[in-house]
Amino acid sequence: MEGKKVRIWEIDFLRGIAIILMSIFHLLYDLSEFYDYDIDYNSGIVDIMGFSSALMFITLTAISSSFSRNNFKRAVKILFFAYCITGITYVYDSSTYINFGILHLIGFSILLYHFFNKFSSPVLILLGVLIIITGHYFDSFTVNTNLLTPFGLTGPNYKSLDYYPLFPYFGVFLLGMALKNIFYPQKRSIFKFSLSYKNPIIILGRHSLFIYLAHQPLFLAILFIMNKLNLL
């Protein structure tokens, strides 16, 4: 049907996997930070789960941007929630609030998609790699202001609960766009079979934004109740 939004089952499935990894990471983070469990979320398998889920979200968003009927509306919606999170976390702790987290990155990347979607895969890969390298270079020094944090340049005392600047992570987005050109030129599944849209992981993937916004308040509420009942 003309105008119908394109959905590819494996994209939703992989997004569902990313949601599961992210949720496990945040649950372990909450147990460590708020209930003094001895969990090192900055290294090992826990860190790998968190970082992998973020890279999956960025890459899959880039791929699915070519399937969207209105990327501008999609970006504005995501940025609205991103800056709601900015406001809430600023009230919670102004020293570590989220001013450019993964939702900010994804929202602005979707806006920038329009300016890059005509480039060939080799050009996208080259630009992506250059942005990633530049981002890692930016990590090696600091500036005297935090106004440049969206670009990966931070002041000496900058801290944030969630930080995914355009350099290097927009480079990951561009690599995702290149993958779309390579694997989904016809905007069709690359598999000859499909899983049911009722598959639980696919359902998670189809509702990833809602789950992203809801899971942390839900986890914190459940952990609070369990702690009050001496179940933690």
Protein backbone atom coordinates (compact mmCIF):
# COMPACT_ATOMS: atom_id res chain seq x y z
CA MET A 1 0.00 0.00 0.00
CA GLU A 2 1.44 3.36 -1.00
CA GLY A 3 2.46 5.50 1.95
CA LYS A 4 2.52 2.57 4.35
CA LYS A 5 5.48 2.64 6.71
CA VAL A 6 8.10 0.03 5.82
CA ARG A 7 8.93 -2.41 8.61
CA ILE A 8 11.59 -5.08 8.27
CA TRP A 9 11.29 -7.80 10.86
CA GLU A 10 14.99 -8.31 11.50
CA ILE A 11 15.48 -4.60 12.20
CA ASP A 12 12.76 -4.72 14.85
CA PHE A 13 14.21 -7.98 16.18
CA LEU A 14 17.71 -6.53 16.55
CA ARG A 15 16.26 -3.39 18.13
CA GLY A 16 14.48 -5.66 20.60
CA ILE A 17 17.79 -7.34 21.44
CA ALA A 18 19.31 -3.89 22.00
CA ILE A 19 16.44 -2.98 24.36
CA ILE A 20 17.03 -6.16 26.38
CA LEU A 21 20.79 -5.50 26.66
CA MET A 22 20.19 -1.88 27.62
CA SER A 23 17.59 -2.82 30.23
CA ILE A 24 19.91 -5.38 31.84
CA PHE A 25 22.72 -2.82 31.91
CA HIS A 26 20.52 -0.15 33.53
CA LEU A 27 19.16 -2.59 36.10
CA LEU A 28 22.69 -3.56 37.14
CA TYR A 29 23.66 0.13 37.16
CA ASP A 30 20.75 0.93 39.48
CA LEU A 31 21.66 -1.91 41.85
CA SER A 32 25.25 -0.69 41.97
CA GLU A 33 24.59 3.05 42.30
CA PHE A 34 21.53 3.10 44.55
CA TYR A 35 21.73 -0.15 46.55
CA ASP A 36 25.50 -0.68 46.89
CA TYR A 37 25.69 -3.96 45.04
CA ASP A 38 29.25 -4.84 44.06
CA ILE A 39 28.77 -4.56 40.30
CA ASP A 40 31.41 -2.99 38.07
CA TYR A 41 29.39 -1.60 35.15
CA ASN A 42 32.37 0.22 33.65
CA SER A 43 34.22 -2.91 32.56
CA GLY A 44 33.72 -6.51 31.55
CA ILE A 45 30.52 -8.03 30.21
CA VAL A 46 28.25 -5.42 31.80
CA ASP A 47 30.06 -2.56 30.07
CA ILE A 48 30.06 -4.52 26.80
CA MET A 49 26.27 -5.00 27.03
CA GLY A 50 25.66 -1.30 27.59
CA PHE A 51 28.00 -0.12 24.85
CA SER A 52 26.81 -2.75 22.37
CA SER A 53 23.18 -1.79 22.88
CA ALA A 54 24.02 1.87 22.20
CA LEU A 55 25.90 1.04 18.99
CA MET A 56 23.03 -1.17 17.87
CA PHE A 57 20.47 1.59 18.45
CA ILE A 58 22.53 4.13 16.51
CA THR A 59 23.17 1.78 13.59
CA LEU A 60 19.58 0.52 13.38
CA THR A 61 18.23 4.07 13.55
CA ALA A 62 20.40 4.99 10.58
CA ILE A 63 19.14 2.00 8.60
CA SER A 64 15.49 2.63 9.45
CA SER A 65 15.67 6.36 8.67
CA SER A 66 15.35 5.51 4.98
CA PHE A 67 12.09 3.68 5.76
CA SER A 68 10.50 6.60 7.62
CA ARG A 69 7.72 8.63 6.08
CA ASN A 70 8.68 11.78 7.99
CA ASN A 71 12.16 11.96 9.51
CA PHE A 72 11.69 15.56 10.63
CA LYS A 73 8.65 14.67 12.73
CA ARG A 74 10.45 11.61 14.04
CA ALA A 75 13.51 13.65 15.04
CA VAL A 76 11.47 16.37 16.75
CA LYS A 77 9.58 13.74 18.76
CA ILE A 78 12.81 12.11 19.92
CA LEU A 79 14.45 15.46 20.75
CA PHE A 80 11.39 16.52 22.75
CA PHE A 81 11.81 13.50 25.00
CA ALA A 82 15.59 13.97 25.04
CA TYR A 83 15.28 17.47 26.45
CA CYS A 84 12.62 16.34 28.90
CA ILE A 85 15.27 13.94 30.21
CA THR A 86 17.74 16.85 30.29
CA GLY A 87 15.37 18.85 32.47
CA ILE A 88 14.54 15.97 34.82
CA THR A 89 18.16 14.94 35.31
CA TYR A 90 19.20 18.58 35.84
CA VAL A 91 16.72 18.85 38.70
CA TYR A 92 17.98 15.52 40.07
CA ASP A 93 21.68 16.44 39.89
CA SER A 94 22.87 19.53 38.01
CA SER A 95 26.50 18.33 38.16
CA THR A 96 25.91 15.13 36.15
CA TYR A 97 22.73 15.86 34.19
CA ILE A 98 22.27 14.51 30.66
CA ASN A 99 22.77 17.37 28.21
CA PHE A 100 23.68 15.24 25.19
CA GLY A 101 22.79 11.60 25.71
CA ILE A 102 21.93 8.92 23.21
CA LEU A 103 18.45 10.30 22.49
CA HIS A 104 19.94 13.72 21.69
CA LEU A 105 22.45 12.05 19.38
CA ILE A 106 19.78 10.00 17.62
CA GLY A 107 17.45 12.97 17.21
CA PHE A 108 20.08 15.24 15.68
CA SER A 109 21.47 12.40 13.56
CA ILE A 110 18.02 11.84 12.05
CA LEU A 111 17.84 15.58 11.22
CA LEU A 112 21.27 15.37 9.57
CA TYR A 113 20.23 12.28 7.61
CA HIS A 114 18.62 14.49 4.96
CA PHE A 115 22.00 16.04 4.10
CA PHE A 116 23.84 12.73 3.73
CA ASN A 117 21.32 10.29 2.26
CA LYS A 118 22.38 10.91 -1.35
CA PHE A 119 25.99 9.93 -0.70
CA SER A 120 27.28 6.58 -1.92
CA SER A 121 28.30 3.88 0.52
CA PRO A 122 32.07 4.42 0.03
CA VAL A 123 31.66 8.14 0.80
CA LEU A 124 29.52 7.41 3.86
CA ILE A 125 32.07 4.89 5.12
CA LEU A 126 34.94 7.35 4.59
CA LEU A 127 33.10 10.18 6.37
CA GLY A 128 32.01 7.84 9.15
CA VAL A 129 35.54 6.62 9.80
CA LEU A 130 36.90 10.19 9.74
CA ILE A 131 34.30 11.35 12.27
CA ILE A 132 35.04 8.40 14.55
CA ILE A 133 38.79 9.09 14.39
CA THR A 134 38.19 12.80 15.03
CA GLY A 135 35.99 11.96 18.00
CA HIS A 136 38.71 9.82 19.54
CA TYR A 137 41.17 12.66 18.93
CA PHE A 138 38.83 15.06 20.75
CA ASP A 139 38.95 12.71 23.76
CA SER A 140 42.62 13.53 24.24
CA PHE A 141 42.19 17.17 25.24
CA THR A 142 39.77 19.51 26.97
CA VAL A 143 38.46 23.02 26.31
CA ASN A 144 37.48 25.81 28.68
CA THR A 145 33.74 25.49 28.08
CA ASN A 146 31.05 22.83 28.04
CA LEU A 147 29.14 24.56 25.24
CA LEU A 148 30.83 22.27 22.72
CA THR A 149 29.77 19.01 24.39
CA PRO A 150 27.47 18.03 21.45
CA PHE A 151 30.63 17.82 19.32
CA GLY A 152 32.70 15.79 21.79
CA LEU A 153 34.67 18.70 23.27
CA THR A 154 34.27 19.06 27.03
CA GLY A 155 35.59 21.10 29.91
CA PRO A 156 38.02 19.60 32.47
CA ASN A 157 35.30 18.86 35.06
CA TYR A 158 32.56 17.66 32.73
CA LYS A 159 30.48 14.70 33.95
CA SER A 160 27.24 13.24 32.64
CA LEU A 161 25.05 10.25 33.36
CA ASP A 162 24.80 9.58 29.60
CA TYR A 163 27.04 11.13 26.94
CA TYR A 164 27.03 10.32 23.21
CA PRO A 165 28.42 13.28 21.24
CA LEU A 166 28.23 13.66 17.46
CA PHE A 167 31.99 13.06 17.32
CA PRO A 168 32.53 10.08 17.20
CA TYR A 169 29.00 8.64 17.27
CA PHE A 170 27.55 10.36 14.21
CA GLY A 171 30.25 8.41 12.41
CA VAL A 172 28.54 5.21 13.57
CA PHE A 173 25.27 6.58 12.21
CA LEU A 174 26.88 7.20 8.81
CA LEU A 175 28.24 3.65 8.78
CA GLY A 176 24.68 2.48 9.46
CA MET A 177 23.49 4.48 6.45
CA ALA A 178 26.13 2.74 4.34
CA LEU A 179 24.93 -0.65 5.61
CA LYS A 180 21.40 0.27 4.54
CA ASN A 181 22.61 1.05 1.01
CA ILE A 182 24.49 -2.24 0.86
CA PHE A 183 21.94 -4.61 2.41
CA TYR A 184 18.58 -2.87 1.92
CA PRO A 185 18.61 -1.07 -1.44
CA GLN A 186 15.11 -2.41 -2.13
CA LYS A 187 13.90 -1.78 1.45
CA ARG A 188 13.11 -5.48 1.89
CA SER A 189 14.16 -8.12 4.36
CA ILE A 190 17.38 -9.86 3.40
CA PHE A 191 15.97 -13.17 4.66
CA LYS A 192 13.68 -15.58 2.85
CA PHE A 193 11.76 -16.24 6.06
CA SER A 194 10.23 -13.99 8.68
CA LEU A 195 9.29 -14.14 12.32
CA SER A 196 5.78 -13.31 13.47
CA TYR A 197 5.08 -9.71 14.39
CA LYS A 198 3.80 -11.22 17.66
CA ASN A 199 7.30 -12.42 18.55
CA PRO A 200 8.08 -10.88 21.98
CA ILE A 201 11.47 -9.53 20.92
CA ILE A 202 9.99 -7.94 17.80
CA ILE A 203 7.26 -6.35 19.92
CA LEU A 204 9.97 -4.85 22.14
CA GLY A 205 11.75 -3.52 19.06
CA ARG A 206 8.61 -1.95 17.64
CA HIS A 207 8.04 -0.05 20.89
CA SER A 208 11.65 0.73 21.72
CA LEU A 209 11.21 4.47 22.38
CA PHE A 210 8.39 3.93 24.87
CA ILE A 211 10.36 1.19 26.63
CA TYR A 212 13.46 3.37 26.72
CA LEU A 213 11.53 6.15 28.41
CA ALA A 214 9.60 3.92 30.81
CA HIS A 215 12.03 1.25 31.91
CA GLN A 216 14.22 3.27 34.28
CA PRO A 217 11.34 4.82 36.31
CA LEU A 218 9.79 1.35 36.45
CA PHE A 219 13.03 -0.29 37.60
CA LEU A 220 13.61 2.36 40.25
CA ALA A 221 10.06 2.04 41.58
CA ILE A 222 10.27 -1.76 41.76
CA LEU A 223 13.69 -1.68 43.43
CA PHE A 224 12.46 0.91 45.93
CA ILE A 225 9.50 -1.26 46.88
CA MET A 226 11.65 -4.39 47.10
CA ASN A 227 14.12 -2.55 49.31
CA LYS A 228 11.33 -1.38 51.62
CA LEU A 229 10.17 -4.99 51.88
CA ASN A 230 13.75 -6.11 52.64
CA LEU A 231 13.88 -8.16 49.45
CA LEU A 232 17.14 -6.65 48.21
